[in-house]
C-alpha cells in the first residue's frame, strides 16, 4: 500500500509539472513618422519619463520603476546613456507638459529635452491584463503586460516613433488531479502571486519592442559595442565618487541637467 501511494504521488507530480507549463511570447507593432528618415535618427542620451496618460494597473509606481530598468538595460547595451529615473521624473513634473500632441506643445518637449541634455524622450503607457479558461482539472492563465512607447526626437521636433507591445505569459496550472496535490499547487501559486508572471511578460515585451526599434532605426544606437563613449570631461577626474555624487545632486538642484549627466557618466565609467 505504501509503494502504491508513492507511485501515485510521483505520477501526480510528473503530471502536475507537465500541466504547469508556460510560454512567454510577444506581439509588437511599430509606427513611424514617414517624413523622418530612419538613417538620420541618432541617439546618444535618452530620458524615460512618466506616461502622459492614465495607467491601467495597480501599483503604478512599481511598474514605472521596474520597466524603467528594463528599458535602461536595452538602451545602455547599445551605448545610449539614460537619464536617471529621479532626475527625469523631477523635471517632467516641473515642465507641465500637456497630453495633446500639437505643434505648440512640441516646443515644450523640445525645451524639456534641452534641459535633460537628451536627444530621445520616451513616454511609456503600461497596463496589465489577465484572462483564464480551461477544464475541470486544469486552468489556462494568460498574463499580459501591455505597453505603448511614444518616442519624441527633438532633432525633428516630432514624435518619430510609437511602439505598441504585448508581452504574453501563458501558464497552464493544475487544479485537481490528486486532491492533496492540487491543494499544494494552489497554495504555492497563492504565495507566489501574479507579479512574477507580469514581470516576465514585460521583460519579453520590452526586449522585443527595442529589437524592432533598432532594426528600424539602426543608426540611433549610440555604440554597437555597448560601452559608454568617453566624454572627455577630465575636469572631474580629481574628484572621488562621494564628491561626484555631491556635485551631481547640486547640479540637479540647480536644474543643470547637462552637468549632472556628465557627472553621472563619469561615475558610471568608474564603477565598471
Protein backbone atom coordinates (compact mmCIF):
# COMPACT_ATOMS: atom_id res chain seq x y z
CA UNK A 1 0.00 0.00 0.00
CA UNK A 2 2.87 2.37 0.85
CA UNK A 3 4.53 1.73 -2.53
CA UNK A 4 1.21 2.33 -4.29
CA UNK A 5 0.84 5.71 -2.62
CA UNK A 6 4.42 6.61 -3.55
CA UNK A 7 3.80 5.72 -7.21
CA UNK A 8 0.59 7.77 -7.24
CA UNK A 9 2.42 10.69 -5.69
CA UNK A 10 5.22 10.54 -8.26
CA UNK A 11 2.72 10.31 -11.12
CA UNK A 12 0.76 13.25 -9.74
CA UNK A 13 3.90 15.38 -9.50
CA UNK A 14 5.03 14.45 -13.03
CA UNK A 15 1.62 15.20 -14.49
CA UNK A 16 1.41 18.36 -12.41
CA UNK A 17 4.74 19.59 -13.79
CA UNK A 18 3.55 18.82 -17.30
CA UNK A 19 0.29 20.67 -16.80
CA UNK A 20 2.02 23.59 -15.09
CA UNK A 21 3.84 24.53 -18.27
CA UNK A 22 4.41 28.03 -19.56
CA UNK A 23 5.36 30.03 -22.61
CA UNK A 24 6.24 33.71 -22.98
CA UNK A 25 5.78 35.42 -26.34
CA UNK A 26 5.31 38.95 -27.66
CA UNK A 27 3.35 40.92 -30.22
CA UNK A 28 4.90 44.17 -31.47
CA UNK A 29 3.54 46.96 -33.65
CA UNK A 30 5.89 49.79 -34.58
CA UNK A 31 4.61 53.01 -36.14
CA UNK A 32 6.95 55.63 -37.59
CA UNK A 33 6.65 59.16 -38.90
CA UNK A 34 7.00 58.85 -42.68
CA UNK A 35 8.63 62.27 -43.05
CA UNK A 36 11.63 61.20 -40.92
CA UNK A 37 14.43 59.17 -42.49
CA UNK A 38 15.35 56.32 -40.09
CA UNK A 39 19.02 56.66 -41.07
CA UNK A 40 19.01 60.24 -39.77
CA UNK A 41 17.80 59.31 -36.29
CA UNK A 42 20.74 59.26 -33.89
CA UNK A 43 20.61 58.96 -30.13
CA UNK A 44 23.31 59.47 -27.51
CA UNK A 45 21.18 60.22 -24.45
CA UNK A 46 17.61 59.14 -23.68
CA UNK A 47 15.18 60.09 -20.93
CA UNK A 48 12.43 57.68 -19.84
CA UNK A 49 9.66 59.86 -18.45
CA UNK A 50 6.32 59.33 -16.71
CA UNK A 51 3.46 58.44 -19.03
CA UNK A 52 1.22 61.19 -20.36
CA UNK A 53 -1.92 59.05 -19.96
CA UNK A 54 -3.53 57.14 -17.05
CA UNK A 55 -2.23 53.63 -16.49
CA UNK A 56 -4.50 50.60 -16.27
CA UNK A 57 -2.78 48.74 -13.45
CA UNK A 58 -2.31 48.52 -9.71
CA UNK A 59 0.79 49.91 -8.00
CA UNK A 60 1.79 52.13 -10.97
CA UNK A 61 4.96 53.43 -9.34
CA UNK A 62 6.32 49.89 -9.03
CA UNK A 63 5.80 49.23 -12.74
CA UNK A 64 7.19 52.63 -13.75
CA UNK A 65 10.38 51.86 -11.85
CA UNK A 66 10.57 48.19 -12.88
CA UNK A 67 10.07 48.91 -16.59
CA UNK A 68 12.43 51.89 -16.45
CA UNK A 69 15.19 49.42 -15.54
CA UNK A 70 14.22 47.11 -18.41
CA UNK A 71 14.27 49.95 -20.95
CA UNK A 72 17.50 51.34 -19.50
CA UNK A 73 19.13 47.93 -19.94
CA UNK A 74 18.08 47.75 -23.60
CA UNK A 75 19.38 51.25 -24.35
CA UNK A 76 22.58 51.02 -22.31
CA UNK A 77 23.52 47.76 -24.01
CA UNK A 78 23.54 49.72 -27.27
CA UNK A 79 25.71 52.54 -25.96
CA UNK A 80 22.94 55.03 -25.16
CA UNK A 81 23.20 56.93 -21.87
CA UNK A 82 19.95 57.06 -19.91
CA UNK A 83 18.97 59.98 -17.67
CA UNK A 84 18.48 58.90 -14.06
CA UNK A 85 14.95 57.97 -13.03
CA UNK A 86 14.52 60.60 -10.30
CA UNK A 87 16.13 63.32 -12.41
CA UNK A 88 13.79 62.72 -15.37
CA UNK A 89 10.70 62.49 -13.16
CA UNK A 90 11.51 65.71 -11.31
CA UNK A 91 11.98 67.75 -14.48
CA UNK A 92 8.88 66.20 -16.06
CA UNK A 93 6.76 67.37 -13.11
CA UNK A 94 8.17 70.88 -13.41
CA UNK A 95 7.63 71.03 -17.17
CA UNK A 96 3.81 70.96 -17.12
CA UNK A 97 3.65 69.02 -20.39
CA UNK A 98 0.18 68.78 -21.97
CA UNK A 99 -1.35 65.47 -23.04
CA UNK A 100 -2.25 66.63 -26.54
CA UNK A 101 0.27 66.45 -29.35
CA UNK A 102 0.25 69.77 -31.20
CA UNK A 103 2.87 71.95 -32.82
CA UNK A 104 2.91 74.35 -29.89
CA UNK A 105 3.08 71.56 -27.30
CA UNK A 106 6.08 70.01 -29.03
CA UNK A 107 8.06 73.14 -28.23
CA UNK A 108 7.68 72.18 -24.57
CA UNK A 109 9.02 68.71 -25.34
CA UNK A 110 11.99 70.32 -27.08
CA UNK A 111 12.60 72.51 -24.03
CA UNK A 112 12.44 69.51 -21.72
CA UNK A 113 14.88 67.57 -23.92
CA UNK A 114 17.28 70.51 -23.81
CA UNK A 115 17.14 70.70 -20.02
CA UNK A 116 17.85 66.97 -19.74
CA UNK A 117 20.50 67.10 -22.49
CA UNK A 118 18.62 64.26 -24.20
CA UNK A 119 18.02 63.54 -27.87
CA UNK A 120 15.29 60.98 -27.17
CA UNK A 121 12.29 61.28 -24.83
CA UNK A 122 10.33 58.10 -24.15
CA UNK A 123 6.81 58.43 -22.77
CA UNK A 124 5.51 54.98 -21.79
CA UNK A 125 1.98 53.79 -21.13
CA UNK A 126 1.58 50.49 -19.25
CA UNK A 127 -1.27 48.14 -18.49
CA UNK A 128 -1.80 44.57 -17.29
CA UNK A 129 -4.45 42.05 -18.26
CA UNK A 130 -5.22 38.51 -17.06
CA UNK A 131 -7.59 36.06 -18.75
CA UNK A 132 -8.32 32.43 -17.93
CA UNK A 133 -10.05 29.33 -19.23
CA UNK A 134 -9.69 25.55 -19.18
CA UNK A 135 -11.36 22.39 -17.89
CA UNK A 136 -12.15 20.74 -14.56
CA UNK A 137 -8.59 19.66 -13.71
CA UNK A 138 -6.55 22.49 -15.19
CA UNK A 139 -6.79 26.18 -15.88
CA UNK A 140 -5.08 28.22 -18.57
CA UNK A 141 -3.98 31.64 -17.34
CA UNK A 142 -2.70 34.35 -19.68
CA UNK A 143 -0.84 37.27 -18.09
CA UNK A 144 -0.30 40.15 -20.49
CA UNK A 145 1.97 43.14 -19.97
CA UNK A 146 0.76 45.90 -22.30
CA UNK A 147 2.73 48.94 -23.31
CA UNK A 148 2.85 51.84 -25.71
CA UNK A 149 6.13 53.75 -26.02
CA UNK A 150 5.80 57.20 -27.57
CA UNK A 151 9.23 58.41 -28.67
CA UNK A 152 9.94 62.10 -29.22
CA UNK A 153 13.10 63.22 -31.04
CA UNK A 154 14.00 66.91 -30.51
CA UNK A 155 16.19 66.94 -33.63
CA UNK A 156 12.96 66.74 -35.65
CA UNK A 157 10.68 68.34 -33.03
CA UNK A 158 8.30 65.46 -33.55
CA UNK A 159 7.24 62.05 -32.27
CA UNK A 160 9.20 59.89 -34.71
CA UNK A 161 8.03 56.54 -33.36
CA UNK A 162 5.37 54.74 -31.39
CA UNK A 163 5.80 51.12 -30.34
CA UNK A 164 2.84 49.13 -29.05
CA UNK A 165 3.81 45.87 -27.40
CA UNK A 166 2.24 42.94 -25.63
CA UNK A 167 4.28 40.52 -23.55
CA UNK A 168 2.16 37.37 -23.26
CA UNK A 169 2.86 34.87 -20.47
CA UNK A 170 0.74 31.72 -20.79
CA UNK A 171 0.57 29.38 -17.79
CA UNK A 172 -1.19 26.03 -17.62
CA UNK A 173 -1.93 25.37 -13.95
CA UNK A 174 -3.21 22.15 -12.40
CA UNK A 175 -6.35 22.50 -10.31
CA UNK A 176 -7.15 18.99 -9.19
CA UNK A 177 -5.82 15.61 -10.20
CA UNK A 178 -5.00 14.07 -6.87
CA UNK A 179 -6.78 16.32 -4.34
CA UNK A 180 -3.92 17.00 -1.94
CA UNK A 181 -1.51 17.69 -4.84
CA UNK A 182 -3.97 20.21 -6.26
CA UNK A 183 -4.19 21.93 -2.90
CA UNK A 184 -0.39 22.13 -2.62
CA UNK A 185 -0.10 23.71 -6.07
CA UNK A 186 -2.86 26.17 -5.24
CA UNK A 187 -1.10 27.20 -2.01
CA UNK A 188 2.24 27.57 -3.81
CA UNK A 189 0.70 29.73 -6.54
CA UNK A 190 -1.09 31.86 -3.97
CA UNK A 191 2.17 32.56 -2.13
CA UNK A 192 3.96 33.44 -5.37
CA UNK A 193 1.27 35.83 -6.59
CA UNK A 194 0.77 37.22 -10.07
CA UNK A 195 3.58 39.79 -10.09
CA UNK A 196 6.37 37.46 -11.36
CA UNK A 197 4.22 36.47 -14.35
CA UNK A 198 3.62 40.09 -15.32
CA UNK A 199 7.34 40.81 -14.83
CA UNK A 200 8.22 38.05 -17.31
CA UNK A 201 5.61 39.40 -19.72
CA UNK A 202 7.05 42.94 -19.56
CA UNK A 203 10.58 41.59 -19.95
CA UNK A 204 9.68 39.86 -23.20
CA UNK A 205 7.52 42.72 -24.49
CA UNK A 206 10.11 45.45 -23.89
CA UNK A 207 13.03 43.41 -25.21
CA UNK A 208 11.13 42.62 -28.42
CA UNK A 209 9.97 46.23 -28.75
CA UNK A 210 13.53 47.56 -28.80
CA UNK A 211 14.76 44.78 -31.05
CA UNK A 212 12.22 46.04 -33.57
CA UNK A 213 13.10 49.67 -32.88
CA UNK A 214 16.82 49.23 -33.54
CA UNK A 215 16.05 47.19 -36.65
CA UNK A 216 14.04 50.16 -37.95
CA UNK A 217 16.50 52.80 -36.66
CA UNK A 218 19.95 51.13 -36.72
CA UNK A 219 21.82 54.44 -36.81
CA UNK A 220 20.29 55.51 -33.49
CA UNK A 221 22.37 53.01 -31.49
CA UNK A 222 24.97 55.08 -29.67
CA UNK A 223 27.69 52.42 -29.58
CA UNK A 224 27.39 48.92 -31.01
CA UNK A 225 29.93 47.57 -28.53
CA UNK A 226 27.68 48.50 -25.61
CA UNK A 227 30.34 50.66 -23.97
CA UNK A 228 29.51 54.18 -22.87
CA UNK A 229 31.61 56.54 -25.02
CA UNK A 230 34.29 58.52 -23.25
CA UNK A 231 33.05 62.01 -22.51
CA UNK A 232 36.41 63.70 -22.23
CA UNK A 233 35.40 65.53 -19.05
CA UNK A 234 38.87 65.49 -17.44
CA UNK A 235 37.78 68.24 -15.05
CA UNK A 236 36.01 65.54 -12.97
CA UNK A 237 38.99 63.21 -12.65
CA UNK A 238 40.26 64.89 -9.49
CA UNK A 239 37.05 64.08 -7.59
CA UNK A 240 36.29 60.76 -5.88
CA UNK A 241 32.88 59.04 -6.15
CA UNK A 242 31.49 60.61 -2.99
CA UNK A 243 32.45 64.08 -4.16
CA UNK A 244 30.99 63.41 -7.61
CA UNK A 245 27.71 62.36 -6.00
CA UNK A 246 27.57 65.67 -4.10
CA UNK A 247 28.34 67.60 -7.30
CA UNK A 248 25.67 65.71 -9.21
CA UNK A 249 22.99 66.43 -6.59
CA UNK A 250 23.97 70.09 -6.60
CA UNK A 251 23.68 70.22 -10.39
CA UNK A 252 20.23 68.61 -10.25
CA UNK A 253 19.15 71.06 -7.57
CA UNK A 254 20.22 73.95 -9.81
CA UNK A 255 18.42 72.48 -12.82
CA UNK A 256 21.73 71.95 -14.66
CA UNK A 257 20.91 68.51 -16.07
CA UNK A 258 23.65 68.63 -18.68
CA UNK A 259 26.32 68.84 -15.98
CA UNK A 260 24.51 66.23 -13.88
CA UNK A 261 24.50 63.90 -16.88
CA UNK A 262 28.22 64.41 -17.47
CA UNK A 263 28.98 63.66 -13.82
CA UNK A 264 26.81 60.53 -13.86
CA UNK A 265 28.63 59.34 -16.98
CA UNK A 266 31.97 59.82 -15.23
CA UNK A 267 30.68 57.88 -12.19
CA UNK A 268 29.35 55.04 -14.35
CA UNK A 269 32.71 54.67 -16.10
CA UNK A 270 34.49 54.29 -12.75
CA UNK A 271 32.03 51.71 -11.43
CA UNK A 272 32.59 49.28 -14.32
